[in-house]
Amino acid sequence: MSVHSFSIGCKLGHLLDILTAATDAPLIFRYDGRPVKAGYHVTEMKAGQFSALDCGANPEAWSEIFVQLWDIDVDGRTHMPAGKFSAIIRKVSDHVQLEPSANLKSVMA
């Protein structure tokens, strides 16, 4: 069984619920329609809160979390287990406010 990343706009809370149910499953991110290499490394997580006003004077606000991945091949390495990624998110949340309703975005390093 593998856990795949979701399309742009996936909510962090939804992803964490899925990861909790499959902690040993490999987490496979997809970027530009292809899976990220098994040796990928999470290099950075950023949280941003955005406020905007559109051309119709309608205000909107949202949060996004950017997960920066280094897409590399490492001999013999498999995709990161879902539980390890959850642990990374918990560690980041000790220092950065991560909203469960935030949209998750991935960025390649």
Protein backbone atom coordinates (compact mmCIF):
# COMPACT_ATOMS: atom_id res chain seq x y z
CA MET A 1 0.00 0.00 0.00
CA SER A 2 1.25 3.49 -0.74
CA VAL A 3 -0.02 6.90 0.28
CA HIS A 4 0.11 9.42 -2.55
CA SER A 5 0.09 13.18 -2.26
CA PHE A 6 -3.06 14.93 -3.27
CA SER A 7 -3.73 17.56 -5.87
CA ILE A 8 -2.90 21.17 -5.20
CA GLY A 9 -5.24 22.42 -2.52
CA CYS A 10 -5.23 19.32 -0.32
CA LYS A 11 -5.92 20.35 3.26
CA LEU A 12 -3.17 19.57 5.77
CA GLY A 13 -5.65 18.09 8.27
CA HIS A 14 -7.02 15.70 5.63
CA LEU A 15 -3.52 14.53 4.70
CA LEU A 16 -2.60 13.98 8.37
CA ASP A 17 -5.73 11.88 8.90
CA ILE A 18 -4.71 9.64 6.01
CA LEU A 19 -1.07 9.42 7.13
CA THR A 20 -2.15 8.42 10.64
CA ALA A 21 -4.06 5.46 9.23
CA ALA A 22 -1.05 4.21 7.22
CA THR A 23 2.13 5.12 9.11
CA ASP A 24 4.31 2.44 7.49
CA ALA A 25 3.10 3.06 3.93
CA PRO A 26 5.47 4.89 1.58
CA LEU A 27 4.53 8.51 0.93
CA ILE A 28 4.90 9.23 -2.77
CA PHE A 29 4.67 12.85 -3.85
CA ARG A 30 3.85 13.68 -7.46
CA TYR A 31 5.20 16.71 -9.31
CA ASP A 32 4.50 17.65 -12.92
CA GLY A 33 2.61 14.39 -13.39
CA ARG A 34 5.41 12.09 -12.25
CA PRO A 35 6.34 10.58 -8.89
CA VAL A 36 9.16 12.21 -6.97
CA LYS A 37 12.23 9.95 -6.72
CA ALA A 38 12.43 7.54 -3.78
CA GLY A 39 15.42 9.35 -2.26
CA TYR A 40 13.58 12.66 -1.86
CA HIS A 41 14.34 14.83 1.14
CA VAL A 42 12.06 17.36 2.85
CA THR A 43 14.27 20.47 2.90
CA GLU A 44 11.85 23.06 4.24
CA MET A 45 8.26 23.70 5.29
CA LYS A 46 6.78 27.19 5.14
CA ALA A 47 3.40 28.44 6.36
CA GLY A 48 1.76 31.52 4.95
CA GLN A 49 -1.45 33.38 5.66
CA PHE A 50 -2.83 35.38 2.76
CA SER A 51 -5.45 38.11 2.52
CA ALA A 52 -6.71 39.54 -0.75
CA LEU A 53 -9.34 41.71 -2.33
CA ASP A 54 -10.54 40.75 -5.80
CA CYS A 55 -11.67 43.10 -8.59
CA GLY A 56 -15.24 42.93 -7.30
CA ALA A 57 -14.13 44.18 -3.86
CA ASN A 58 -14.70 40.73 -2.35
CA PRO A 59 -12.26 40.00 0.48
CA GLU A 60 -10.81 36.54 0.92
CA ALA A 61 -8.29 34.93 3.24
CA TRP A 62 -6.57 31.56 3.27
CA SER A 63 -3.55 29.68 4.57
CA GLU A 64 -1.04 27.62 2.64
CA ILE A 65 1.76 25.30 3.67
CA PHE A 66 4.64 24.85 1.26
CA VAL A 67 6.63 21.61 1.47
CA GLN A 68 9.94 21.94 -0.33
CA LEU A 69 11.31 18.61 -1.60
CA TRP A 70 14.75 17.80 -2.92
CA ASP A 71 14.08 15.27 -5.70
CA ILE A 72 17.19 13.04 -5.67
CA ASP A 73 18.06 9.41 -6.23
CA VAL A 74 19.81 7.66 -3.38
CA ASP A 75 20.87 4.05 -3.96
CA GLY A 76 18.72 1.57 -2.08
CA ARG A 77 16.49 4.18 -0.54
CA THR A 78 12.71 3.82 -0.58
CA HIS A 79 10.04 6.51 -0.36
CA MET A 80 9.64 8.07 3.08
CA PRO A 81 7.15 6.28 5.35
CA ALA A 82 3.99 8.27 6.05
CA GLY A 83 4.74 8.17 9.78
CA LYS A 84 8.10 9.88 9.29
CA PHE A 85 6.48 12.68 7.30
CA SER A 86 3.88 13.06 10.09
CA ALA A 87 6.74 13.34 12.60
CA ILE A 88 8.36 16.07 10.48
CA ILE A 89 5.08 17.99 10.45
CA ARG A 90 4.78 17.63 14.25
CA LYS A 91 8.34 18.93 14.68
CA VAL A 92 7.67 21.91 12.40
CA SER A 93 4.43 22.66 14.27
CA ASP A 94 6.47 23.10 17.47
CA HIS A 95 7.97 26.23 15.88
CA VAL A 96 5.60 27.32 13.08
CA GLN A 97 1.83 27.69 13.26
CA LEU A 98 0.32 25.11 10.88
CA GLU A 99 -3.41 25.41 10.28
CA PRO A 100 -5.19 22.07 9.61
CA SER A 101 -7.37 23.89 7.05
CA ALA A 102 -4.30 25.18 5.16
CA ASN A 103 -3.82 24.14 1.54
CA LEU A 104 -0.76 21.97 1.05
CA LYS A 105 1.57 22.86 -1.82
CA SER A 106 4.77 21.13 -2.89
CA VAL A 107 7.80 22.89 -4.30
CA MET A 108 10.86 21.20 -5.78
CA ALA A 109 14.32 22.27 -4.65
